[in-house]
């Protein structure tokens, strides 16, 4: 169970945007506090949603043996949504260039919030960027339907949360231990992420969607 949970949680952690935002915050005027608030927002959002989804799934009885087909159908549906998201992201082209050199391109929502970083906007971005994905829901569903005791369930939820927000707490810890080296490493990684981040996300979506669809289909029709 934990291996499957960890796999889905790691796929949920694939977020080049979240890592790029962390790099911006660590280069701000108040890097420690700003980055810490960013991590706090991400962790709080992830914990709240994990507990909420866990409660809803168990309240609806999907953890009961008689609900085997509905819970696999849910997993199959999550897989279809994930594959649809992969198709959407792969077909969505990059933003068109301005019509003329004098036409300024309007910055996106994330760019506006990171233009002048503050602890408050960092916390807000942590909450918004870590809204639950289909792979995150799938990870929590595995925990909810495992019929494990409270200690195992709590430990599994900790694993889900820890791995889902891996891309923000790990750079912060690295920065606290070695600020200069971490800043250089993130700066070097930024260019690669900007160039290949979209492909990375699409790949993760295809993998997660395929796994969820196959797993759900086998569970429903077995």
N, C-alpha and C. Protein backbone atom coordinates (compact mmCIF):
# COMPACT_ATOMS: atom_id res chain seq x y z
N UNK A 1 0.82 -1.21 0.00
CA UNK A 1 0.00 0.00 0.00
C UNK A 1 0.86 1.26 0.00
N UNK A 2 1.87 1.28 0.86
CA UNK A 2 2.71 2.48 0.96
C UNK A 2 3.48 2.75 -0.33
N UNK A 3 3.86 1.68 -1.04
CA UNK A 3 4.58 1.88 -2.30
C UNK A 3 3.69 2.55 -3.33
N UNK A 4 2.43 2.11 -3.41
CA UNK A 4 1.49 2.72 -4.34
C UNK A 4 1.19 4.16 -3.94
N UNK A 5 1.02 4.39 -2.65
CA UNK A 5 0.79 5.75 -2.14
C UNK A 5 1.94 6.67 -2.50
N UNK A 6 3.16 6.18 -2.27
CA UNK A 6 4.35 6.99 -2.55
C UNK A 6 4.46 7.31 -4.04
N UNK A 7 4.13 6.33 -4.89
CA UNK A 7 4.21 6.56 -6.33
C UNK A 7 3.27 7.66 -6.79
N UNK A 8 2.01 7.60 -6.35
CA UNK A 8 1.07 8.65 -6.74
C UNK A 8 1.46 10.00 -6.15
N UNK A 9 1.95 10.01 -4.92
CA UNK A 9 2.35 11.27 -4.28
C UNK A 9 3.53 11.91 -5.00
N UNK A 10 4.47 11.09 -5.45
CA UNK A 10 5.61 11.63 -6.20
C UNK A 10 5.17 12.22 -7.53
N UNK A 11 4.20 11.57 -8.18
CA UNK A 11 3.67 12.13 -9.42
C UNK A 11 2.95 13.45 -9.14
N UNK A 12 2.26 13.53 -7.99
CA UNK A 12 1.59 14.77 -7.63
C UNK A 12 2.60 15.88 -7.33
N UNK A 13 3.81 15.49 -6.95
CA UNK A 13 4.84 16.48 -6.62
C UNK A 13 5.49 17.12 -7.84
N UNK A 14 5.24 16.56 -9.02
CA UNK A 14 5.85 17.11 -10.24
C UNK A 14 5.19 18.45 -10.56
N UNK A 15 5.87 19.53 -10.22
CA UNK A 15 5.35 20.87 -10.45
C UNK A 15 6.51 21.84 -10.68
N UNK A 16 6.94 21.98 -11.94
CA UNK A 16 8.02 22.93 -12.23
C UNK A 16 7.69 24.34 -11.76
N UNK A 17 6.41 24.74 -11.85
CA UNK A 17 6.02 26.09 -11.41
C UNK A 17 6.31 26.29 -9.94
N UNK A 18 5.98 25.29 -9.12
CA UNK A 18 6.21 25.40 -7.68
C UNK A 18 7.69 25.58 -7.37
N UNK A 19 8.55 24.86 -8.10
CA UNK A 19 9.99 24.97 -7.86
C UNK A 19 10.52 26.31 -8.36
N UNK A 20 10.03 26.78 -9.50
CA UNK A 20 10.45 28.08 -10.01
C UNK A 20 10.05 29.20 -9.05
N UNK A 21 8.85 29.10 -8.48
CA UNK A 21 8.41 30.10 -7.51
C UNK A 21 9.29 30.08 -6.28
N UNK A 22 9.67 28.89 -5.82
CA UNK A 22 10.57 28.79 -4.67
C UNK A 22 11.90 29.47 -4.96
N UNK A 23 12.42 29.30 -6.17
CA UNK A 23 13.67 29.95 -6.54
C UNK A 23 13.55 31.46 -6.47
N UNK A 24 12.41 31.99 -6.89
CA UNK A 24 12.17 33.44 -6.82
C UNK A 24 12.15 33.90 -5.37
N UNK A 25 11.46 33.16 -4.52
CA UNK A 25 11.33 33.56 -3.12
C UNK A 25 12.67 33.49 -2.39
N UNK A 26 13.49 32.49 -2.73
CA UNK A 26 14.80 32.38 -2.08
C UNK A 26 15.76 33.46 -2.56
N UNK A 27 15.42 34.12 -3.66
CA UNK A 27 16.24 35.24 -4.14
C UNK A 27 15.66 36.59 -3.77
N UNK A 28 14.63 36.61 -2.93
CA UNK A 28 13.97 37.86 -2.55
C UNK A 28 14.73 38.56 -1.43
N UNK A 29 14.21 39.71 -1.02
CA UNK A 29 14.87 40.50 0.03
C UNK A 29 14.81 39.81 1.39
N UNK A 30 13.78 39.04 1.62
CA UNK A 30 13.61 38.33 2.90
C UNK A 30 13.40 36.85 2.60
N UNK A 31 14.44 36.15 2.14
CA UNK A 31 14.26 34.81 1.59
C UNK A 31 13.76 33.78 2.59
N UNK A 32 14.29 33.79 3.81
CA UNK A 32 13.92 32.74 4.77
C UNK A 32 12.44 32.83 5.15
N UNK A 33 12.00 34.00 5.52
CA UNK A 33 10.61 34.14 5.96
C UNK A 33 9.64 33.93 4.79
N UNK A 34 9.99 34.49 3.63
CA UNK A 34 9.11 34.36 2.47
C UNK A 34 8.98 32.91 2.04
N UNK A 35 10.11 32.21 1.94
CA UNK A 35 10.08 30.80 1.54
C UNK A 35 9.38 29.94 2.59
N UNK A 36 9.59 30.28 3.87
CA UNK A 36 8.94 29.51 4.93
C UNK A 36 7.43 29.65 4.86
N UNK A 37 6.94 30.85 4.58
CA UNK A 37 5.49 31.05 4.46
C UNK A 37 4.94 30.33 3.23
N UNK A 38 5.74 30.27 2.19
CA UNK A 38 5.35 29.52 0.98
C UNK A 38 5.18 28.04 1.31
N UNK A 39 6.15 27.48 2.02
CA UNK A 39 6.08 26.08 2.43
C UNK A 39 4.90 25.87 3.37
N UNK A 40 4.68 26.81 4.29
CA UNK A 40 3.57 26.69 5.23
C UNK A 40 2.23 26.64 4.50
N UNK A 41 2.04 27.51 3.51
CA UNK A 41 0.81 27.49 2.73
C UNK A 41 0.62 26.17 2.00
N UNK A 42 1.71 25.65 1.42
CA UNK A 42 1.63 24.39 0.69
C UNK A 42 1.30 23.23 1.63
N UNK A 43 1.94 23.20 2.78
CA UNK A 43 1.71 22.10 3.73
C UNK A 43 0.29 22.16 4.30
N UNK A 44 -0.15 23.35 4.68
CA UNK A 44 -1.50 23.48 5.25
C UNK A 44 -2.55 23.05 4.24
N UNK A 45 -2.42 23.52 3.00
CA UNK A 45 -3.37 23.15 1.96
C UNK A 45 -3.38 21.64 1.75
N UNK A 46 -2.21 21.04 1.69
CA UNK A 46 -2.09 19.61 1.43
C UNK A 46 -2.66 18.79 2.58
N UNK A 47 -2.36 19.18 3.81
CA UNK A 47 -2.88 18.45 4.97
C UNK A 47 -4.40 18.55 5.04
N UNK A 48 -4.92 19.76 4.89
CA UNK A 48 -6.38 19.95 4.97
C UNK A 48 -7.10 19.14 3.90
N UNK A 49 -6.59 19.16 2.68
CA UNK A 49 -7.25 18.43 1.61
C UNK A 49 -7.10 16.92 1.78
N UNK A 50 -5.94 16.46 2.28
CA UNK A 50 -5.75 15.03 2.51
C UNK A 50 -6.74 14.52 3.55
N UNK A 51 -6.87 15.23 4.66
CA UNK A 51 -7.81 14.83 5.71
C UNK A 51 -9.25 14.89 5.20
N UNK A 52 -9.57 15.94 4.46
CA UNK A 52 -10.94 16.10 3.93
C UNK A 52 -11.29 14.97 2.97
N UNK A 53 -10.40 14.68 2.02
CA UNK A 53 -10.66 13.61 1.04
C UNK A 53 -10.75 12.26 1.75
N UNK A 54 -9.87 12.03 2.71
CA UNK A 54 -9.90 10.79 3.47
C UNK A 54 -11.24 10.62 4.18
N UNK A 55 -11.69 11.69 4.82
CA UNK A 55 -12.96 11.64 5.55
C UNK A 55 -14.13 11.38 4.59
N UNK A 56 -14.14 12.09 3.47
CA UNK A 56 -15.25 11.94 2.51
C UNK A 56 -15.30 10.52 1.95
N UNK A 57 -14.15 9.98 1.58
CA UNK A 57 -14.11 8.63 1.01
C UNK A 57 -14.57 7.58 2.02
N UNK A 58 -14.17 7.75 3.26
CA UNK A 58 -14.59 6.77 4.28
C UNK A 58 -16.03 7.00 4.72
N UNK A 59 -16.47 8.26 4.71
CA UNK A 59 -17.86 8.54 5.08
C UNK A 59 -18.83 7.98 4.05
N UNK A 60 -18.40 7.90 2.80
CA UNK A 60 -19.26 7.34 1.75
C UNK A 60 -19.14 5.82 1.65
N UNK A 61 -18.30 5.24 2.50
CA UNK A 61 -18.20 3.79 2.56
C UNK A 61 -17.36 3.15 1.49
N UNK A 62 -16.53 3.92 0.80
CA UNK A 62 -15.70 3.34 -0.27
C UNK A 62 -14.61 2.43 0.26
N UNK A 63 -14.38 2.46 1.57
CA UNK A 63 -13.39 1.57 2.15
C UNK A 63 -13.98 0.20 2.50
N UNK A 64 -15.28 0.04 2.33
CA UNK A 64 -15.94 -1.23 2.65
C UNK A 64 -15.77 -2.22 1.49
N UNK A 65 -15.63 -3.51 1.81
CA UNK A 65 -15.45 -4.52 0.75
C UNK A 65 -16.58 -4.51 -0.28
N UNK A 66 -17.81 -4.23 0.15
CA UNK A 66 -18.94 -4.26 -0.78
C UNK A 66 -18.89 -3.11 -1.79
N UNK A 67 -18.05 -2.11 -1.51
CA UNK A 67 -17.92 -0.95 -2.40
C UNK A 67 -16.70 -1.06 -3.31
N UNK A 68 -16.29 -2.29 -3.57
CA UNK A 68 -15.07 -2.50 -4.35
C UNK A 68 -15.19 -1.91 -5.76
N UNK A 69 -16.30 -2.19 -6.43
CA UNK A 69 -16.47 -1.69 -7.79
C UNK A 69 -16.55 -0.16 -7.84
N UNK A 70 -17.33 0.50 -6.95
CA UNK A 70 -17.36 1.97 -7.00
C UNK A 70 -16.00 2.62 -6.77
N UNK A 71 -15.20 2.07 -5.87
CA UNK A 71 -13.91 2.72 -5.60
C UNK A 71 -12.95 2.55 -6.78
N UNK A 72 -13.02 1.40 -7.47
CA UNK A 72 -12.20 1.23 -8.66
C UNK A 72 -12.74 2.06 -9.82
N UNK A 73 -14.05 2.25 -9.85
CA UNK A 73 -14.63 3.12 -10.87
C UNK A 73 -14.17 4.56 -10.66
N UNK A 74 -14.07 4.97 -9.40
CA UNK A 74 -13.56 6.31 -9.10
C UNK A 74 -12.12 6.45 -9.57
N UNK A 75 -11.32 5.42 -9.33
CA UNK A 75 -9.93 5.46 -9.77
C UNK A 75 -9.84 5.51 -11.29
N UNK A 76 -10.72 4.74 -11.95
CA UNK A 76 -10.77 4.77 -13.41
C UNK A 76 -11.14 6.16 -13.91
N UNK A 77 -12.12 6.80 -13.24
CA UNK A 77 -12.52 8.16 -13.62
C UNK A 77 -11.41 9.16 -13.41
N UNK A 78 -10.66 9.02 -12.31
CA UNK A 78 -9.52 9.91 -12.07
C UNK A 78 -8.48 9.75 -13.18
N UNK A 79 -8.32 8.52 -13.63
CA UNK A 79 -7.37 8.28 -14.73
C UNK A 79 -7.80 8.95 -16.01
N UNK A 80 -9.09 8.88 -16.32
CA UNK A 80 -9.59 9.53 -17.54
C UNK A 80 -9.41 11.05 -17.46
N UNK A 81 -9.69 11.62 -16.29
CA UNK A 81 -9.50 13.06 -16.11
C UNK A 81 -8.03 13.43 -16.28
N UNK A 82 -7.15 12.60 -15.73
CA UNK A 82 -5.71 12.86 -15.84
C UNK A 82 -5.24 12.79 -17.28
N UNK A 83 -5.72 11.80 -18.03
CA UNK A 83 -5.35 11.69 -19.44
C UNK A 83 -5.90 12.87 -20.24
N UNK A 84 -7.11 13.30 -19.90
CA UNK A 84 -7.68 14.46 -20.57
C UNK A 84 -6.84 15.70 -20.29
N UNK A 85 -6.35 15.81 -19.06
CA UNK A 85 -5.48 16.95 -18.71
C UNK A 85 -4.18 16.88 -19.49
N UNK A 86 -3.65 15.67 -19.68
CA UNK A 86 -2.41 15.51 -20.47
C UNK A 86 -2.62 15.96 -21.91
N UNK A 87 -3.76 15.59 -22.49
CA UNK A 87 -4.07 16.00 -23.86
C UNK A 87 -4.23 17.51 -23.94
N UNK A 88 -4.92 18.08 -22.96
CA UNK A 88 -5.14 19.53 -22.95
C UNK A 88 -3.83 20.29 -22.86
N UNK A 89 -2.96 19.87 -21.94
CA UNK A 89 -1.69 20.58 -21.76
C UNK A 89 -0.80 20.40 -22.98
N UNK A 90 -0.80 19.21 -23.58
CA UNK A 90 0.06 18.97 -24.75
C UNK A 90 -0.41 19.75 -25.97
N UNK A 91 -1.73 19.97 -26.08
CA UNK A 91 -2.25 20.71 -27.24
C UNK A 91 -2.26 22.21 -27.03
N UNK A 92 -2.17 22.63 -25.80
CA UNK A 92 -2.20 24.06 -25.54
C UNK A 92 -0.86 24.66 -25.93
N UNK A 93 -0.87 25.52 -26.89
CA UNK A 93 0.37 26.14 -27.34
C UNK A 93 0.85 27.19 -26.37
N UNK A 94 2.06 27.59 -26.57
CA UNK A 94 2.59 28.68 -25.76
C UNK A 94 1.86 29.97 -26.11
N UNK A 95 1.88 30.92 -25.18
CA UNK A 95 1.20 32.19 -25.42
C UNK A 95 1.78 32.88 -26.64
N UNK A 96 0.94 33.42 -27.49
CA UNK A 96 1.45 34.09 -28.68
C UNK A 96 2.25 35.32 -28.33
N UNK A 97 3.21 35.62 -29.16
CA UNK A 97 4.03 36.81 -28.93
C UNK A 97 3.20 38.06 -29.19
N UNK A 98 3.60 39.20 -28.58
CA UNK A 98 2.87 40.45 -28.82
C UNK A 98 2.84 40.79 -30.31
N UNK A 99 1.79 41.50 -30.73
CA UNK A 99 1.63 41.85 -32.14
C UNK A 99 2.71 42.81 -32.60
N UNK A 100 3.21 43.61 -31.71
CA UNK A 100 4.27 44.55 -32.07
C UNK A 100 5.25 44.66 -30.92
N UNK A 101 6.42 45.23 -31.22
CA UNK A 101 7.43 45.36 -30.18
C UNK A 101 6.97 46.27 -29.06
N UNK A 102 6.07 47.18 -29.33
CA UNK A 102 5.62 48.11 -28.30
C UNK A 102 4.48 47.57 -27.47
N UNK A 103 3.94 46.42 -27.83
CA UNK A 103 2.82 45.86 -27.08
C UNK A 103 3.34 44.99 -25.95
N UNK A 104 3.08 45.38 -24.73
CA UNK A 104 3.57 44.63 -23.58
C UNK A 104 2.68 43.42 -23.32
N UNK A 105 3.29 42.33 -22.96
CA UNK A 105 2.53 41.13 -22.63
C UNK A 105 2.11 41.21 -21.17
N UNK A 106 0.84 40.99 -20.93
CA UNK A 106 0.33 41.07 -19.57
C UNK A 106 0.85 39.89 -18.75
N UNK A 107 1.45 40.14 -17.60
CA UNK A 107 1.99 39.04 -16.80
C UNK A 107 0.88 38.17 -16.24
N UNK A 108 1.18 36.90 -16.05
CA UNK A 108 0.21 35.97 -15.50
C UNK A 108 0.02 36.19 -14.00
N UNK A 109 -0.93 35.43 -13.45
CA UNK A 109 -1.27 35.57 -12.04
C UNK A 109 -0.07 35.27 -11.14
N UNK A 110 0.62 34.16 -11.42
CA UNK A 110 1.78 33.79 -10.61
C UNK A 110 2.88 34.83 -10.73
N UNK A 111 3.09 35.33 -11.96
CA UNK A 111 4.13 36.34 -12.18
C UNK A 111 3.83 37.62 -11.40
N UNK A 112 2.55 37.99 -11.33
CA UNK A 112 2.18 39.20 -10.59
C UNK A 112 2.42 39.03 -9.09
N UNK A 113 2.13 37.83 -8.58
CA UNK A 113 2.31 37.61 -7.15
C UNK A 113 3.78 37.48 -6.76
N UNK A 114 4.62 37.08 -7.71
CA UNK A 114 6.04 36.94 -7.41
C UNK A 114 6.86 38.16 -7.82
N UNK A 115 6.20 39.15 -8.41
CA UNK A 115 6.93 40.35 -8.84
C UNK A 115 7.55 41.09 -7.66
N UNK A 116 6.80 41.20 -6.58
CA UNK A 116 7.29 41.84 -5.36
C UNK A 116 6.96 40.90 -4.20
N UNK A 117 7.78 39.89 -3.97
CA UNK A 117 7.43 38.85 -3.01
C UNK A 117 7.29 39.37 -1.58
N UNK A 118 6.27 38.92 -0.91
CA UNK A 118 6.05 39.18 0.52
C UNK A 118 5.64 37.86 1.17
N UNK A 119 5.79 37.73 2.48
CA UNK A 119 5.34 36.50 3.15
C UNK A 119 3.86 36.21 2.91
N UNK A 120 3.04 37.25 2.82
CA UNK A 120 1.60 37.04 2.61
C UNK A 120 1.32 36.45 1.23
N UNK A 121 1.93 37.03 0.19
CA UNK A 121 1.71 36.49 -1.16
C UNK A 121 2.35 35.11 -1.31
N UNK A 122 3.44 34.88 -0.59
CA UNK A 122 4.08 33.56 -0.64
C UNK A 122 3.16 32.50 -0.04
N UNK A 123 2.52 32.81 1.07
CA UNK A 123 1.58 31.88 1.68
C UNK A 123 0.41 31.60 0.74
N UNK A 124 -0.10 32.67 0.12
CA UNK A 124 -1.22 32.53 -0.81
C UNK A 124 -0.85 31.63 -1.98
N UNK A 125 0.34 31.82 -2.53
CA UNK A 125 0.77 30.97 -3.65
C UNK A 125 0.95 29.52 -3.21
N UNK A 126 1.44 29.33 -2.00
CA UNK A 126 1.57 27.96 -1.50
C UNK A 126 0.23 27.26 -1.45
N UNK A 127 -0.80 27.98 -1.03
CA UNK A 127 -2.15 27.42 -0.97
C UNK A 127 -2.68 27.14 -2.37
N UNK A 128 -2.54 28.10 -3.26
CA UNK A 128 -3.12 27.97 -4.60
C UNK A 128 -2.41 26.93 -5.46
N UNK A 129 -1.09 26.90 -5.40
CA UNK A 129 -0.35 25.99 -6.26
C UNK A 129 -0.46 24.53 -5.81
N UNK A 130 -0.87 24.33 -4.57
CA UNK A 130 -0.97 22.96 -4.07
C UNK A 130 -2.41 22.53 -3.83
N UNK A 131 -3.31 23.09 -4.64
CA UNK A 131 -4.66 22.55 -4.68
C UNK A 131 -4.58 21.10 -5.15
N UNK A 132 -5.48 20.23 -4.70
CA UNK A 132 -5.33 18.79 -4.98
C UNK A 132 -5.43 18.44 -6.46
N UNK A 133 -4.51 17.63 -6.91
CA UNK A 133 -4.51 17.11 -8.27
C UNK A 133 -5.14 15.72 -8.27
N UNK A 134 -5.35 15.16 -9.45
CA UNK A 134 -5.94 13.82 -9.53
C UNK A 134 -5.01 12.77 -8.94
N UNK A 135 -3.71 12.93 -9.12
CA UNK A 135 -2.76 11.97 -8.55
C UNK A 135 -2.73 12.06 -7.03
N UNK A 136 -2.89 13.27 -6.50
CA UNK A 136 -2.97 13.44 -5.05
C UNK A 136 -4.22 12.76 -4.51
N UNK A 137 -5.35 12.96 -5.18
CA UNK A 137 -6.60 12.32 -4.76
C UNK A 137 -6.44 10.80 -4.82
N UNK A 138 -5.78 10.31 -5.86
CA UNK A 138 -5.56 8.87 -6.00
C UNK A 138 -4.72 8.33 -4.85
N UNK A 139 -3.69 9.08 -4.45
CA UNK A 139 -2.85 8.65 -3.34
C UNK A 139 -3.65 8.55 -2.05
N UNK A 140 -4.49 9.55 -1.79
CA UNK A 140 -5.31 9.54 -0.58
C UNK A 140 -6.35 8.43 -0.66
N UNK A 141 -6.86 8.17 -1.86
CA UNK A 141 -7.85 7.10 -2.02
C UNK A 141 -7.26 5.74 -1.67
N UNK A 142 -6.01 5.52 -2.04
CA UNK A 142 -5.36 4.27 -1.69
C UNK A 142 -5.31 4.11 -0.18
N UNK A 143 -4.99 5.20 0.52
CA UNK A 143 -4.96 5.17 1.99
C UNK A 143 -6.35 4.92 2.56
N UNK A 144 -7.34 5.63 2.01
CA UNK A 144 -8.70 5.56 2.55
C UNK A 144 -9.31 4.18 2.39
N UNK A 145 -8.97 3.49 1.32
CA UNK A 145 -9.60 2.20 1.04
C UNK A 145 -8.76 1.01 1.51
N UNK A 146 -7.68 1.28 2.23
CA UNK A 146 -6.79 0.20 2.66
C UNK A 146 -7.29 -0.52 3.90
N UNK A 147 -8.28 0.07 4.60
CA UNK A 147 -8.82 -0.52 5.83
C UNK A 147 -7.73 -0.77 6.87
N UNK A 148 -6.75 0.12 6.92
CA UNK A 148 -5.67 0.01 7.90
C UNK A 148 -6.08 0.71 9.19
N UNK A 149 -5.35 0.43 10.26
CA UNK A 149 -5.61 1.07 11.53
C UNK A 149 -5.21 2.53 11.53
N UNK A 150 -5.53 3.20 12.65
CA UNK A 150 -5.25 4.63 12.75
C UNK A 150 -3.76 4.94 12.61
N UNK A 151 -2.84 4.23 13.29
CA UNK A 151 -1.41 4.55 13.15
C UNK A 151 -0.90 4.43 11.72
N UNK A 152 -1.31 3.35 11.03
CA UNK A 152 -0.86 3.15 9.65
C UNK A 152 -1.46 4.20 8.73
N UNK A 153 -2.74 4.50 8.94
CA UNK A 153 -3.40 5.52 8.12
C UNK A 153 -2.73 6.88 8.30
N UNK A 154 -2.48 7.24 9.57
CA UNK A 154 -1.83 8.52 9.85
C UNK A 154 -0.43 8.58 9.23
N UNK A 155 0.31 7.48 9.34
CA UNK A 155 1.65 7.43 8.75
C UNK A 155 1.60 7.55 7.24
N UNK A 156 0.62 6.91 6.61
CA UNK A 156 0.48 6.98 5.16
C UNK A 156 0.12 8.39 4.71
N UNK A 157 -0.73 9.08 5.47
CA UNK A 157 -1.08 10.46 5.13
C UNK A 157 0.14 11.36 5.26
N UNK A 158 0.96 11.11 6.27
CA UNK A 158 2.21 11.87 6.43
C UNK A 158 3.11 11.66 5.20
N UNK A 159 3.17 10.43 4.72
CA UNK A 159 3.96 10.14 3.52
C UNK A 159 3.42 10.90 2.32
N UNK A 160 2.09 10.90 2.15
CA UNK A 160 1.47 11.62 1.04
C UNK A 160 1.81 13.10 1.09
N UNK A 161 1.63 13.70 2.25
CA UNK A 161 1.89 15.14 2.40
C UNK A 161 3.36 15.45 2.17
N UNK A 162 4.22 14.67 2.80
CA UNK A 162 5.67 14.93 2.70
C UNK A 162 6.16 14.86 1.26
N UNK A 163 5.73 13.83 0.53
CA UNK A 163 6.19 13.68 -0.85
C UNK A 163 5.54 14.68 -1.79
N UNK A 164 4.27 15.02 -1.55
CA UNK A 164 3.59 15.96 -2.43
C UNK A 164 4.24 17.33 -2.41
N UNK A 165 4.69 17.76 -1.24
CA UNK A 165 5.31 19.10 -1.12
C UNK A 165 6.84 19.01 -1.12
N UNK A 166 7.35 17.90 -1.62
CA UNK A 166 8.80 17.69 -1.65
C UNK A 166 9.53 18.81 -2.39
N UNK A 167 8.92 19.31 -3.45
CA UNK A 167 9.57 20.31 -4.29
C UNK A 167 9.71 21.67 -3.65
N UNK A 168 9.10 21.88 -2.48
CA UNK A 168 9.24 23.18 -1.81
C UNK A 168 9.99 23.08 -0.49
N UNK A 169 9.72 22.02 0.30
CA UNK A 169 10.43 21.95 1.59
C UNK A 169 11.89 21.52 1.44
N UNK A 170 12.17 20.69 0.43
CA UNK A 170 13.56 20.26 0.24
C UNK A 170 14.48 21.41 -0.16
N UNK A 171 14.09 22.26 -1.15
CA UNK A 171 14.93 23.42 -1.46
C UNK A 171 15.11 24.37 -0.27
N UNK A 172 14.07 24.53 0.55
CA UNK A 172 14.20 25.40 1.71
C UNK A 172 15.22 24.85 2.70
N UNK A 173 15.15 23.55 2.98
CA UNK A 173 16.13 22.95 3.89
C UNK A 173 17.55 23.07 3.32
N UNK A 174 17.67 22.85 2.00
CA UNK A 174 18.98 22.97 1.37
C UNK A 174 19.50 24.40 1.48
N UNK A 175 18.60 25.38 1.31
CA UNK A 175 19.00 26.78 1.41
C UNK A 175 19.46 27.11 2.83
N UNK A 176 18.76 26.61 3.82
CA UNK A 176 19.14 26.88 5.21
C UNK A 176 20.49 26.27 5.55
N UNK A 177 20.80 25.14 4.91
CA UNK A 177 22.09 24.48 5.17
C UNK A 177 23.22 25.10 4.35
N UNK A 178 22.93 25.46 3.09
CA UNK A 178 23.98 26.01 2.21
C UNK A 178 23.33 27.03 1.27
N UNK A 179 23.17 28.27 1.72
CA UNK A 179 22.44 29.27 0.92
C UNK A 179 23.04 29.53 -0.46
N UNK A 180 24.33 29.76 -0.53
CA UNK A 180 24.95 30.11 -1.80
C UNK A 180 24.88 28.97 -2.81
N UNK A 181 25.21 27.76 -2.35
CA UNK A 181 25.19 26.61 -3.25
C UNK A 181 23.77 26.33 -3.75
N UNK A 182 22.81 26.45 -2.86
CA UNK A 182 21.42 26.19 -3.25
C UNK A 182 20.93 27.22 -4.25
N UNK A 183 21.27 28.49 -4.02
CA UNK A 183 20.86 29.55 -4.94
C UNK A 183 21.45 29.33 -6.33
N UNK A 184 22.71 28.92 -6.38
CA UNK A 184 23.35 28.64 -7.67
C UNK A 184 22.69 27.45 -8.35
N UNK A 185 22.41 26.41 -7.59
CA UNK A 185 21.80 25.21 -8.17
C UNK A 185 20.41 25.49 -8.71
N UNK A 186 19.61 26.25 -7.94
CA UNK A 186 18.27 26.58 -8.40
C UNK A 186 18.32 27.48 -9.63
N UNK A 187 19.29 28.40 -9.65
CA UNK A 187 19.44 29.26 -10.81
C UNK A 187 19.78 28.46 -12.06
N UNK A 188 20.64 27.46 -11.89
CA UNK A 188 21.01 26.62 -13.03
C UNK A 188 19.83 25.75 -13.47
N UNK A 189 19.03 25.29 -12.50
CA UNK A 189 17.89 24.44 -12.83
C UNK A 189 16.74 25.21 -13.46
N UNK A 190 16.67 26.51 -13.18
CA UNK A 190 15.55 27.30 -13.68
C UNK A 190 15.46 27.30 -15.20
N UNK A 191 16.61 27.46 -15.85
CA UNK A 191 16.62 27.47 -17.31
C UNK A 191 16.11 26.16 -17.89
N UNK A 192 16.56 25.05 -17.30
CA UNK A 192 16.12 23.74 -17.78
C UNK A 192 14.63 23.56 -17.55
N UNK A 193 14.15 23.98 -16.38
CA UNK A 193 12.72 23.83 -16.06
C UNK A 193 11.86 24.68 -16.98
N UNK A 194 12.32 25.88 -17.28
CA UNK A 194 11.54 26.74 -18.18
C UNK A 194 11.45 26.14 -19.58
N UNK A 195 12.51 25.45 -19.98
CA UNK A 195 12.54 24.86 -21.32
C UNK A 195 11.83 23.52 -21.39
N UNK A 196 11.90 22.74 -20.31
CA UNK A 196 11.39 21.37 -20.36
C UNK A 196 10.30 21.08 -19.34
N UNK A 197 9.93 22.07 -18.53
CA UNK A 197 8.94 21.84 -17.49
C UNK A 197 7.61 21.35 -18.02
N UNK A 198 7.16 21.93 -19.12
CA UNK A 198 5.88 21.53 -19.72
C UNK A 198 5.91 20.07 -20.15
N UNK A 199 7.00 19.65 -20.77
CA UNK A 199 7.13 18.25 -21.18
C UNK A 199 7.17 17.33 -19.97
N UNK A 200 7.80 17.79 -18.90
CA UNK A 200 7.86 17.00 -17.68
C UNK A 200 6.47 16.78 -17.09
N UNK A 201 5.67 17.84 -17.07
CA UNK A 201 4.31 17.75 -16.54
C UNK A 201 3.46 16.82 -17.41
N UNK A 202 3.58 16.97 -18.74
CA UNK A 202 2.80 16.12 -19.66
C UNK A 202 3.16 14.66 -19.46
N UNK A 203 4.44 14.38 -19.33
CA UNK A 203 4.87 13.01 -19.12
C UNK A 203 4.32 12.42 -17.83
N UNK A 204 4.36 13.23 -16.76
CA UNK A 204 3.82 12.76 -15.48
C UNK A 204 2.33 12.50 -15.57
N UNK A 205 1.61 13.35 -16.29
CA UNK A 205 0.17 13.17 -16.45
C UNK A 205 -0.15 11.90 -17.23
N UNK A 206 0.60 11.66 -18.30
CA UNK A 206 0.37 10.45 -19.10
C UNK A 206 0.64 9.20 -18.27
N UNK A 207 1.72 9.20 -17.52
CA UNK A 207 2.05 8.04 -16.69
C UNK A 207 0.97 7.81 -15.64
N UNK A 208 0.62 8.88 -14.91
CA UNK A 208 -0.38 8.74 -13.85
C UNK A 208 -1.73 8.33 -14.41
N UNK A 209 -2.15 8.95 -15.52
CA UNK A 209 -3.44 8.62 -16.11
C UNK A 209 -3.50 7.18 -16.57
N UNK A 210 -2.44 6.72 -17.21
CA UNK A 210 -2.41 5.33 -17.69
C UNK A 210 -2.48 4.34 -16.54
N UNK A 211 -1.70 4.60 -15.49
CA UNK A 211 -1.70 3.71 -14.32
C UNK A 211 -3.09 3.67 -13.68
N UNK A 212 -3.71 4.84 -13.52
CA UNK A 212 -5.03 4.91 -12.89
C UNK A 212 -6.10 4.21 -13.74
N UNK A 213 -6.07 4.42 -15.05
CA UNK A 213 -7.06 3.79 -15.92
C UNK A 213 -6.90 2.28 -15.91
N UNK A 214 -5.68 1.79 -16.05
CA UNK A 214 -5.44 0.34 -16.06
C UNK A 214 -5.83 -0.27 -14.72
N UNK A 215 -5.38 0.36 -13.63
CA UNK A 215 -5.69 -0.16 -12.30
C UNK A 215 -7.19 -0.16 -12.04
N UNK A 216 -7.84 0.95 -12.41
CA UNK A 216 -9.28 1.03 -12.20
C UNK A 216 -10.05 0.03 -13.05
N UNK A 217 -9.65 -0.13 -14.31
CA UNK A 217 -10.33 -1.05 -15.21
C UNK A 217 -10.17 -2.50 -14.73
N UNK A 218 -8.98 -2.88 -14.30
CA UNK A 218 -8.77 -4.22 -13.81
C UNK A 218 -9.59 -4.48 -12.56
N UNK A 219 -9.71 -3.46 -11.70
CA UNK A 219 -10.49 -3.62 -10.48
C UNK A 219 -11.97 -3.74 -10.74
N UNK A 220 -12.48 -2.98 -11.70
CA UNK A 220 -13.91 -3.01 -12.01
C UNK A 220 -14.31 -4.29 -12.70
N UNK A 221 -13.50 -4.73 -13.65
CA UNK A 221 -13.90 -5.87 -14.49
C UNK A 221 -13.32 -7.21 -14.04
N UNK A 222 -12.59 -7.18 -12.94
CA UNK A 222 -12.00 -8.44 -12.49
C UNK A 222 -13.05 -9.30 -11.79
